[in-house]
Protein backbone atom coordinates (compact mmCIF):
# COMPACT_ATOMS: atom_id res chain seq x y z
CA MET A 1 -21.96 -37.39 -43.32
CA LEU A 2 -23.59 -36.86 -39.90
CA VAL A 3 -20.61 -34.90 -38.63
CA GLU A 4 -20.88 -32.45 -41.53
CA LEU A 5 -24.68 -32.25 -41.23
CA PHE A 6 -24.54 -31.27 -37.57
CA GLU A 7 -21.98 -28.56 -38.39
CA MET A 8 -24.28 -26.97 -40.99
CA THR A 9 -27.11 -24.49 -40.42
CA HIS A 10 -30.57 -25.72 -41.43
CA ILE A 11 -33.98 -24.06 -41.78
CA ASP A 12 -35.59 -26.96 -39.92
CA ASN A 13 -34.71 -30.34 -38.41
CA MET A 14 -35.79 -32.62 -41.27
CA LYS A 15 -32.36 -33.29 -42.82
CA ILE A 16 -30.98 -34.23 -39.42
CA LEU A 17 -33.90 -36.50 -38.53
CA LYS A 18 -33.87 -38.21 -41.93
CA ALA A 19 -30.14 -38.87 -41.56
CA LEU A 20 -30.63 -40.36 -38.08
CA ILE A 21 -33.72 -42.39 -38.98
CA HIS A 22 -33.16 -43.95 -42.39
CA ALA A 23 -36.61 -44.60 -43.86
CA ARG A 24 -35.46 -46.53 -46.95
CA ASP A 25 -38.71 -47.41 -48.77
CA ASP A 26 -40.89 -46.83 -45.70
CA PRO A 27 -42.53 -43.37 -45.78
CA MET A 28 -43.71 -43.85 -42.18
CA PRO A 29 -40.66 -44.99 -40.17
CA ILE A 30 -41.91 -43.91 -36.73
CA VAL A 31 -44.84 -44.88 -34.50
CA ASP A 32 -47.06 -42.43 -32.60
CA GLY A 33 -47.13 -43.67 -29.00
CA SER A 34 -50.60 -42.29 -28.33
CA THR A 35 -52.30 -44.00 -31.31
CA LYS A 36 -49.79 -46.81 -31.99
CA LYS A 37 -50.02 -45.96 -35.70
CA GLN A 38 -47.09 -45.40 -38.05
CA VAL A 39 -46.54 -41.79 -39.14
CA THR A 40 -44.07 -39.76 -41.20
CA LEU A 41 -41.16 -37.73 -39.85
CA GLU A 42 -43.12 -34.61 -40.84
CA VAL A 43 -44.88 -34.71 -37.45
CA LEU A 44 -41.53 -33.65 -35.91
CA ARG A 45 -40.77 -30.79 -38.32
CA ARG A 46 -39.64 -27.57 -36.59
CA LYS A 47 -40.20 -29.00 -33.12
CA ASN A 48 -37.87 -29.43 -30.19
CA VAL A 49 -37.07 -33.14 -30.34
CA LEU A 50 -35.72 -35.19 -27.45
CA LEU A 51 -33.94 -38.33 -28.64
CA LEU A 52 -34.32 -41.01 -25.96
CA ILE A 53 -31.41 -43.30 -26.80
CA SER A 54 -31.07 -46.66 -25.07
CA ASP A 55 -30.54 -50.35 -25.70
CA LEU A 56 -33.29 -52.93 -25.19
CA ASN A 57 -32.43 -53.30 -21.49
CA ILE A 58 -33.75 -49.94 -20.31
CA SER A 59 -35.35 -50.58 -16.92
CA HIS A 60 -39.10 -50.50 -16.37
CA ASP A 61 -38.55 -48.32 -13.29
CA GLU A 62 -36.76 -45.72 -15.41
CA LEU A 63 -39.48 -45.83 -18.05
CA SER A 64 -42.29 -45.45 -15.53
CA ILE A 65 -40.67 -42.39 -13.99
CA LEU A 66 -39.89 -40.85 -17.39
CA GLU A 67 -43.49 -41.48 -18.42
CA GLN A 68 -44.75 -39.75 -15.28
CA ILE A 69 -42.61 -36.68 -16.02
CA TYR A 70 -43.58 -36.76 -19.71
CA ASN A 71 -47.32 -36.91 -18.95
CA GLU A 72 -46.98 -34.09 -16.44
CA SER A 73 -45.21 -31.96 -19.05
CA ARG A 74 -48.03 -32.41 -21.57
CA ILE A 75 -50.41 -30.79 -19.09
CA HIS A 76 -48.17 -27.77 -18.50
CA THR A 77 -46.89 -27.24 -22.07
CA THR A 78 -48.09 -23.74 -22.99
CA ARG A 79 -45.04 -21.69 -23.93
CA LEU A 80 -43.73 -22.09 -27.48
CA ASP A 81 -40.18 -22.83 -26.33
CA SER A 82 -41.46 -25.62 -24.07
CA GLN A 83 -43.24 -27.56 -26.81
CA TYR A 84 -41.33 -30.70 -27.64
CA GLU A 85 -41.65 -34.31 -28.71
CA VAL A 86 -39.78 -37.39 -27.51
CA ILE A 87 -38.73 -40.22 -29.82
CA TRP A 88 -37.16 -43.48 -28.71
CA ILE A 89 -34.02 -44.46 -30.63
CA PRO A 90 -33.14 -48.06 -29.70
CA VAL A 91 -29.47 -48.83 -30.30
CA VAL A 92 -28.74 -52.47 -31.07
CA ASP A 93 -25.30 -53.81 -32.00
CA PRO A 94 -25.49 -54.22 -35.81
CA SER A 95 -23.26 -57.31 -35.64
CA ILE A 96 -25.79 -59.20 -33.50
CA VAL A 97 -28.24 -61.46 -35.31
CA TRP A 98 -31.79 -60.18 -34.71
CA THR A 99 -33.81 -62.88 -32.91
CA GLU A 100 -37.49 -63.43 -32.20
CA ALA A 101 -36.82 -62.86 -28.48
CA MET A 102 -35.24 -59.48 -29.24
CA HIS A 103 -38.18 -58.58 -31.47
CA LYS A 104 -40.63 -59.38 -28.66
CA GLN A 105 -38.51 -57.36 -26.22
CA PHE A 106 -38.56 -54.38 -28.59
CA GLU A 107 -42.32 -54.62 -29.14
CA THR A 108 -42.99 -54.91 -25.40
CA LEU A 109 -40.98 -51.77 -24.68
CA GLN A 110 -42.50 -49.92 -27.63
CA SER A 111 -46.04 -50.73 -26.49
CA THR A 112 -45.47 -49.10 -23.09
CA MET A 113 -44.12 -45.79 -24.43
CA PRO A 114 -46.52 -42.83 -24.82
CA TRP A 115 -44.08 -40.92 -27.05
CA TYR A 116 -42.85 -41.56 -30.60
CA THR A 117 -40.68 -44.59 -31.34
CA VAL A 118 -38.95 -45.88 -34.46
CA SER A 119 -40.90 -48.63 -36.22
CA HIS A 120 -37.94 -51.01 -35.95
CA PRO A 121 -34.31 -50.74 -34.73
CA SER A 122 -33.13 -51.53 -38.28
CA VAL A 123 -33.99 -47.96 -39.37
CA ILE A 124 -31.01 -46.86 -37.23
CA GLU A 125 -28.09 -47.68 -39.51
CA LYS A 126 -24.61 -48.83 -38.50
CA ALA A 127 -23.03 -45.43 -39.22
CA VAL A 128 -25.62 -43.73 -37.00
CA VAL A 129 -24.97 -46.19 -34.17
CA ARG A 130 -21.25 -45.45 -34.45
CA TYR A 131 -21.91 -41.68 -34.39
CA ILE A 132 -24.15 -42.00 -31.32
CA ARG A 133 -21.47 -43.95 -29.48
CA GLU A 134 -18.50 -41.81 -30.51
CA LYS A 135 -19.97 -38.29 -30.52
CA TRP A 136 -22.71 -38.54 -27.92
CA HIS A 137 -20.78 -40.95 -25.68
CA PHE A 138 -23.61 -43.48 -25.49
CA ARG A 139 -22.65 -46.81 -23.95
CA ASN A 140 -25.69 -48.72 -22.71
CA LYS A 141 -27.18 -46.34 -20.15
CA ALA A 142 -30.08 -44.26 -21.50
CA ILE A 143 -29.31 -40.70 -22.63
CA LEU A 144 -31.57 -37.88 -23.81
CA VAL A 145 -30.09 -35.78 -26.65
CA VAL A 146 -32.02 -32.55 -27.28
CA LEU A 147 -32.39 -31.08 -30.78
CA ASP A 148 -33.86 -27.61 -31.34
CA PRO A 149 -36.31 -26.89 -34.24
CA GLN A 150 -33.32 -26.43 -36.60
CA GLY A 151 -31.79 -29.77 -35.60
CA ARG A 152 -28.96 -28.30 -33.52
CA VAL A 153 -27.84 -30.21 -30.41
CA VAL A 154 -28.70 -27.93 -27.48
CA SER A 155 -27.97 -30.56 -24.83
CA PRO A 156 -25.83 -33.70 -25.29
CA ASN A 157 -27.71 -35.44 -22.46
CA ALA A 158 -30.69 -33.91 -20.67
CA ILE A 159 -31.68 -37.06 -18.80
CA HIS A 160 -29.95 -35.82 -15.65
CA MET A 161 -31.97 -32.60 -15.79
CA MET A 162 -35.15 -34.63 -16.10
CA TRP A 163 -34.30 -36.73 -13.05
CA ILE A 164 -33.44 -33.68 -10.94
CA TRP A 165 -36.00 -31.06 -11.95
CA GLY A 166 -38.61 -32.94 -13.97
CA SER A 167 -40.87 -30.76 -16.09
CA ASN A 168 -39.32 -27.61 -14.63
CA ALA A 169 -36.23 -28.30 -16.77
CA PHE A 170 -37.99 -27.37 -20.04
CA PRO A 171 -36.74 -26.75 -22.69
CA PHE A 172 -33.87 -29.02 -21.59
CA THR A 173 -31.03 -26.89 -22.96
CA SER A 174 -27.56 -26.64 -21.43
CA LEU A 175 -28.28 -22.96 -20.70
CA ARG A 176 -31.40 -23.97 -18.79
CA GLU A 177 -29.34 -26.50 -16.83
CA GLU A 178 -26.84 -23.81 -15.82
CA SER A 179 -29.68 -21.49 -14.82
CA LEU A 180 -31.34 -24.14 -12.64
CA TRP A 181 -28.08 -24.86 -10.81
CA ARG A 182 -27.59 -21.15 -10.10
CA GLU A 183 -31.06 -21.03 -8.51
CA GLU A 184 -30.57 -24.24 -6.51
CA ALA A 185 -29.71 -24.56 -2.82
CA TRP A 186 -28.82 -27.41 -0.46
CA ARG A 187 -32.29 -28.19 0.88
CA LEU A 188 -34.42 -31.27 1.38
CA GLU A 189 -36.60 -30.50 -1.66
CA LEU A 190 -33.53 -31.04 -3.87
CA LEU A 191 -33.39 -34.64 -2.66
CA VAL A 192 -37.10 -35.50 -2.56
CA ASN A 193 -38.97 -33.11 -4.88
CA GLY A 194 -41.65 -34.98 -6.80
CA ILE A 195 -41.04 -38.42 -5.28
CA ASP A 196 -43.51 -38.38 -2.37
CA PRO A 197 -46.16 -35.68 -1.69
CA MET A 198 -46.26 -36.71 1.99
CA ILE A 199 -42.63 -35.65 2.51
CA LEU A 200 -43.37 -32.26 0.91
CA ASN A 201 -46.23 -31.84 3.40
CA TRP A 202 -43.86 -32.59 6.29
CA ILE A 203 -41.48 -29.95 4.94
CA LYS A 204 -44.31 -27.42 4.71
CA ASP A 205 -45.30 -28.16 8.33
CA GLY A 206 -41.71 -27.55 9.50
CA LYS A 207 -41.31 -31.01 11.03
CA TYR A 208 -38.05 -32.79 11.76
CA ILE A 209 -37.48 -35.36 9.03
CA PHE A 210 -35.08 -38.28 8.80
CA LEU A 211 -34.57 -39.39 5.20
CA TYR A 212 -32.57 -42.60 5.29
CA GLY A 213 -31.39 -45.45 3.09
CA GLY A 214 -29.37 -48.64 3.22
CA ASP A 215 -29.93 -52.35 2.70
CA ASP A 216 -28.80 -53.57 6.13
CA VAL A 217 -32.10 -54.62 7.73
CA GLU A 218 -30.61 -54.82 11.23
CA TRP A 219 -29.17 -51.29 10.96
CA VAL A 220 -32.54 -50.00 9.69
CA ARG A 221 -34.32 -51.57 12.68
CA LYS A 222 -31.87 -50.17 15.26
CA PHE A 223 -31.82 -46.75 13.61
CA THR A 224 -35.60 -46.32 13.41
CA ASN A 225 -36.18 -47.53 16.98
CA THR A 226 -33.43 -45.31 18.41
CA ALA A 227 -34.49 -42.24 16.39
CA ARG A 228 -38.09 -42.56 17.57
CA ALA A 229 -36.94 -42.94 21.19
CA VAL A 230 -34.78 -39.79 20.90
CA ALA A 231 -37.69 -37.87 19.35
CA VAL A 232 -39.99 -38.85 22.23
CA ALA A 233 -37.34 -37.95 24.84
CA SER A 234 -36.66 -34.59 23.16
CA ARG A 235 -40.35 -33.91 22.49
CA ILE A 236 -39.81 -33.05 18.84
CA PRO A 237 -42.18 -33.84 15.93
CA LEU A 238 -40.20 -36.38 13.89
CA GLU A 239 -41.18 -38.08 10.65
CA MET A 240 -39.10 -40.75 8.89
CA ALA A 241 -38.92 -41.78 5.24
CA TYR A 242 -37.05 -44.91 4.14
CA VAL A 243 -35.68 -44.73 0.61
CA GLY A 244 -33.37 -47.71 0.67
CA LYS A 245 -33.20 -50.82 -1.48
CA SER A 246 -33.64 -53.57 1.09
CA THR A 247 -34.58 -56.94 -0.37
CA LYS A 248 -37.27 -57.30 2.30
CA LYS A 249 -40.52 -56.60 0.50
CA GLU A 250 -42.15 -55.00 3.53
CA LEU A 251 -39.36 -52.43 3.75
CA VAL A 252 -38.74 -51.58 0.14
CA ARG A 253 -40.41 -48.97 -2.02
CA ARG A 254 -38.47 -49.81 -5.15
CA VAL A 255 -39.36 -46.88 -7.37
CA LEU A 256 -38.90 -44.38 -4.52
CA ALA A 257 -35.41 -45.77 -3.89
CA THR A 258 -34.62 -45.70 -7.61
CA ILE A 259 -35.63 -42.05 -7.89
CA THR A 260 -33.69 -40.90 -4.81
CA VAL A 261 -30.37 -42.54 -5.69
CA THR A 262 -30.77 -41.76 -9.40
CA ARG A 263 -31.42 -38.09 -8.59
CA LEU A 264 -28.22 -37.96 -6.53
CA GLU A 265 -26.22 -39.66 -9.29
CA SER A 266 -27.77 -37.32 -11.85
CA MET A 267 -26.65 -34.28 -9.85
CA LEU A 268 -23.08 -35.56 -9.97
CA PHE A 269 -23.25 -36.45 -13.69
CA SER A 270 -24.88 -33.11 -14.50
CA LYS A 271 -21.90 -31.28 -13.03
CA ILE A 272 -19.46 -33.62 -14.80
CA GLN A 273 -21.23 -33.03 -18.11
CA GLN A 274 -21.03 -29.27 -17.62
CA GLY A 275 -17.36 -29.52 -16.75
CA LYS A 276 -18.11 -27.84 -13.43
CA LEU A 277 -17.37 -30.54 -10.87
CA ASP A 278 -16.04 -28.04 -8.30
CA ASP A 279 -14.32 -29.84 -5.43
CA HIS A 280 -15.00 -26.78 -3.24
CA ASP A 281 -18.72 -26.45 -4.03
CA PRO A 282 -20.43 -27.06 -0.62
CA MET A 283 -23.59 -28.48 -2.20
CA MET A 284 -21.68 -30.94 -4.40
CA LEU A 285 -19.56 -32.03 -1.44
CA GLU A 286 -22.73 -33.04 0.43
CA ILE A 287 -24.15 -34.82 -2.62
CA LYS A 288 -20.89 -36.75 -3.10
CA LYS A 289 -20.89 -37.73 0.58
CA LEU A 290 -24.41 -39.16 0.33
CA LEU A 291 -23.54 -41.12 -2.81
CA SER A 292 -20.47 -42.52 -1.09
CA TYR A 293 -22.41 -43.44 2.07
CA ASP A 294 -25.00 -45.24 -0.08
CA LYS A 295 -22.22 -47.45 -1.45
CA GLU A 296 -20.87 -48.14 2.04
CA GLY A 297 -23.98 -49.49 3.77
CA GLY A 298 -26.37 -46.84 5.02
CA TRP A 299 -26.96 -43.11 5.37
CA ALA A 300 -29.35 -40.61 6.92
CA VAL A 301 -30.24 -36.95 6.38
CA LEU A 302 -31.83 -34.95 9.18
CA SER A 303 -33.74 -31.79 8.33
CA LYS A 304 -36.12 -29.39 9.99
CA GLY A 305 -38.59 -28.50 7.30
CA SER A 306 -36.59 -27.58 4.22
CA ASN A 307 -33.36 -26.88 6.11
CA ILE A 308 -30.88 -29.79 6.16
CA ILE A 309 -29.27 -30.01 9.58
CA SER A 310 -26.86 -32.86 8.94
CA ASN A 311 -26.22 -35.88 6.76
CA GLY A 312 -24.00 -38.80 7.58
CA HIS A 313 -22.98 -42.42 7.26
CA GLY A 314 -25.35 -44.89 8.89
CA ASN A 315 -22.88 -45.87 11.62
CA THR A 316 -22.04 -42.31 12.70
CA VAL A 317 -25.71 -41.26 12.72
CA LEU A 318 -26.73 -44.31 14.77
CA THR A 319 -23.87 -43.73 17.22
CA THR A 320 -24.95 -40.10 17.64
CA LEU A 321 -28.50 -41.19 18.50
CA VAL A 322 -27.35 -44.02 20.80
CA GLU A 323 -25.18 -41.50 22.70
CA TYR A 324 -28.16 -39.18 23.24
CA ASP A 325 -27.47 -39.02 26.99
CA LEU A 326 -24.09 -37.40 26.25
CA TRP A 327 -25.60 -34.39 24.46
CA LYS A 328 -29.18 -34.09 25.70
CA GLU A 329 -28.15 -31.47 28.29
CA GLU A 330 -27.06 -29.21 25.41
CA ILE A 331 -30.56 -29.13 23.87
CA PRO A 332 -32.03 -26.41 26.18
CA VAL A 333 -29.01 -24.20 25.42
CA LYS A 334 -28.31 -24.90 21.74
CA GLY A 335 -31.60 -26.33 20.55
CA PHE A 336 -32.02 -29.87 19.21
CA ASP A 337 -30.64 -28.99 15.75
CA LEU A 338 -27.25 -27.68 16.86
CA ALA A 339 -26.86 -30.15 19.75
CA TYR A 340 -27.38 -33.10 17.38
CA ASP A 341 -25.13 -31.67 14.67
CA ASP A 342 -22.29 -30.84 17.07
CA HIS A 343 -22.24 -34.35 18.54
CA HIS A 344 -22.48 -35.96 15.11
CA LYS A 345 -19.43 -33.98 13.99
CA LYS A 346 -17.50 -35.28 17.02
CA VAL A 347 -18.44 -38.88 16.22
CA HIS A 348 -17.69 -38.39 12.53
CA GLY A 349 -14.26 -36.93 13.33
CA VAL A 350 -13.28 -40.13 15.15
CA THR A 351 -14.69 -42.68 12.68
CA TYR A 352 -14.05 -41.57 9.11
CA PRO A 353 -15.81 -44.03 6.79
CA CYS A 354 -14.17 -44.80 3.44
CA CYS A 355 -15.47 -42.86 0.44
CA ARG A 356 -16.27 -44.75 -2.75
CA PHE A 357 -17.83 -43.88 -6.11
CA GLU A 358 -18.73 -46.30 -8.87
CA PHE A 359 -18.92 -45.27 -12.51
CA PRO A 360 -20.20 -48.02 -14.82
CA ASN A 361 -18.47 -48.05 -18.19
CA THR A 362 -21.99 -47.50 -19.57
CA ALA A 363 -22.06 -44.03 -18.01
CA GLY A 364 -20.40 -42.20 -20.92
CA ARG A 365 -18.30 -39.31 -19.61
CA ILE A 366 -16.28 -40.30 -16.54
CA PRO A 367 -13.95 -37.91 -14.66
CA GLU A 368 -10.23 -38.61 -14.85
CA GLY A 369 -9.85 -37.89 -11.16
CA MET A 370 -11.86 -36.87 -8.12
CA LYS A 371 -11.11 -35.45 -4.68
CA CYS A 372 -12.51 -37.10 -1.57
CA PRO A 373 -15.44 -35.05 -0.18
CA GLU A 374 -14.26 -35.85 3.37
CA CYS A 375 -10.47 -35.29 3.48
CA HIS A 376 -10.11 -33.54 0.06
CA ARG A 377 -7.22 -35.75 -1.06
CA TYR A 378 -7.26 -37.21 -4.56
CA MET A 379 -8.92 -40.61 -4.45
CA GLU A 380 -7.27 -43.81 -5.66
CA LYS A 381 -8.68 -45.27 -8.86
CA TYR A 382 -9.53 -48.96 -9.22
CA THR A 383 -11.05 -51.27 -11.80
CA THR A 384 -13.66 -53.80 -10.70
CA PHE A 385 -15.90 -56.41 -12.29
CA LEU A 386 -19.46 -56.91 -11.08
CA CYS A 387 -22.29 -59.34 -11.78
CA CYS A 388 -25.67 -58.89 -10.09
CA HIS A 389 -27.23 -62.07 -11.57
CA ASP A 390 -30.08 -59.91 -12.82
CA GLU A 391 -32.04 -61.04 -15.85
CA GLY A 392 -32.56 -57.40 -16.75
CA HIS A 393 -28.85 -56.98 -17.37
CA PRO A 394 -26.86 -58.14 -20.39
CA THR A 395 -25.36 -61.61 -20.06
CA ALA A 396 -21.86 -60.20 -19.74
CA SER A 397 -21.02 -58.71 -16.37
CA PRO A 398 -20.80 -54.91 -16.49
CA PHE A 399 -17.30 -53.50 -16.19
CA ARG A 400 -16.96 -50.79 -13.59
CA GLY A 401 -14.33 -48.18 -12.96
CA GLU A 402 -14.29 -47.55 -9.24
CA LEU A 403 -12.88 -44.40 -7.67
């Protein structure tokens, strides 16, 4: 039934919404997040509707960032084509017996959401769950399906757009996504926009900036000390921003790290979703390198203002800084930017780190193959099992396909 409904033309979105959210005898099957009162589906008639689809294990970090973007969008919503509503569609395996613990988990999540939610997961019927999994490729990772005022799917998953461009991605259509990529350039704002106002101020002031990540505390210590020493010796204004996921509480800024890595992953998934994962696209090559370095220990990006000078694996960047005496004489001739980049390329050419990408089976669409961003050969494909012993994850270890 849903397949046929989505192929038909409608005057509004009500038939689609009523098919997705089966009200049965309840005339008010959804809850208004702002008032916490049950309302009818009529409040969504002829509106752009974003279906936030997830299981009950959606992370609090993800929700807090989505809420920040959502609240920002309510302030700037003026154009008619930017007016939209979000509704949470929790997908629970129909074969699982509903428990009191699950009910509390649902209510806790529902209470934190400022947007619309269904009154109970049971209003999402088994056939709808199957459609969501088969047609929209939902596994367990949250997706954001966008319906226009007539109920047509204009984006099968806009969550990547939201992570990358935030409220600037309105109205979250695939056409808007293509347009944003055409306007984009490889610059520091692409990596940090919206995550820390201080970094944007550094960019505006034209300072040298090291953006770095990694969970090796010893590497972080050596890198920061050496980078500061090089900055003093070279007399350059250097600022540093750590966006790693170290377990040391004094080093970690958890949400900042979540945003940075998630933005990078979203850029890759956005291109995969569009079917435009160009192995020769210079910007995507750099994004893939950073994602790979993040999986292999540590990484660092050096920029001057908005302009990215170089990015590299933690070991090659640290070696470049440690060997400062070998290239410092080039600075008066080439400038710090080029002298650093040239020496880093020499170091990188000698010590090629392995490249690795991980695609959880919860990710939905996964590429059949991928070329290495370093040597451009096709990468080997592996299957791995992983358990992080995290209470926020399902009991079963997630299955990962590793490229």
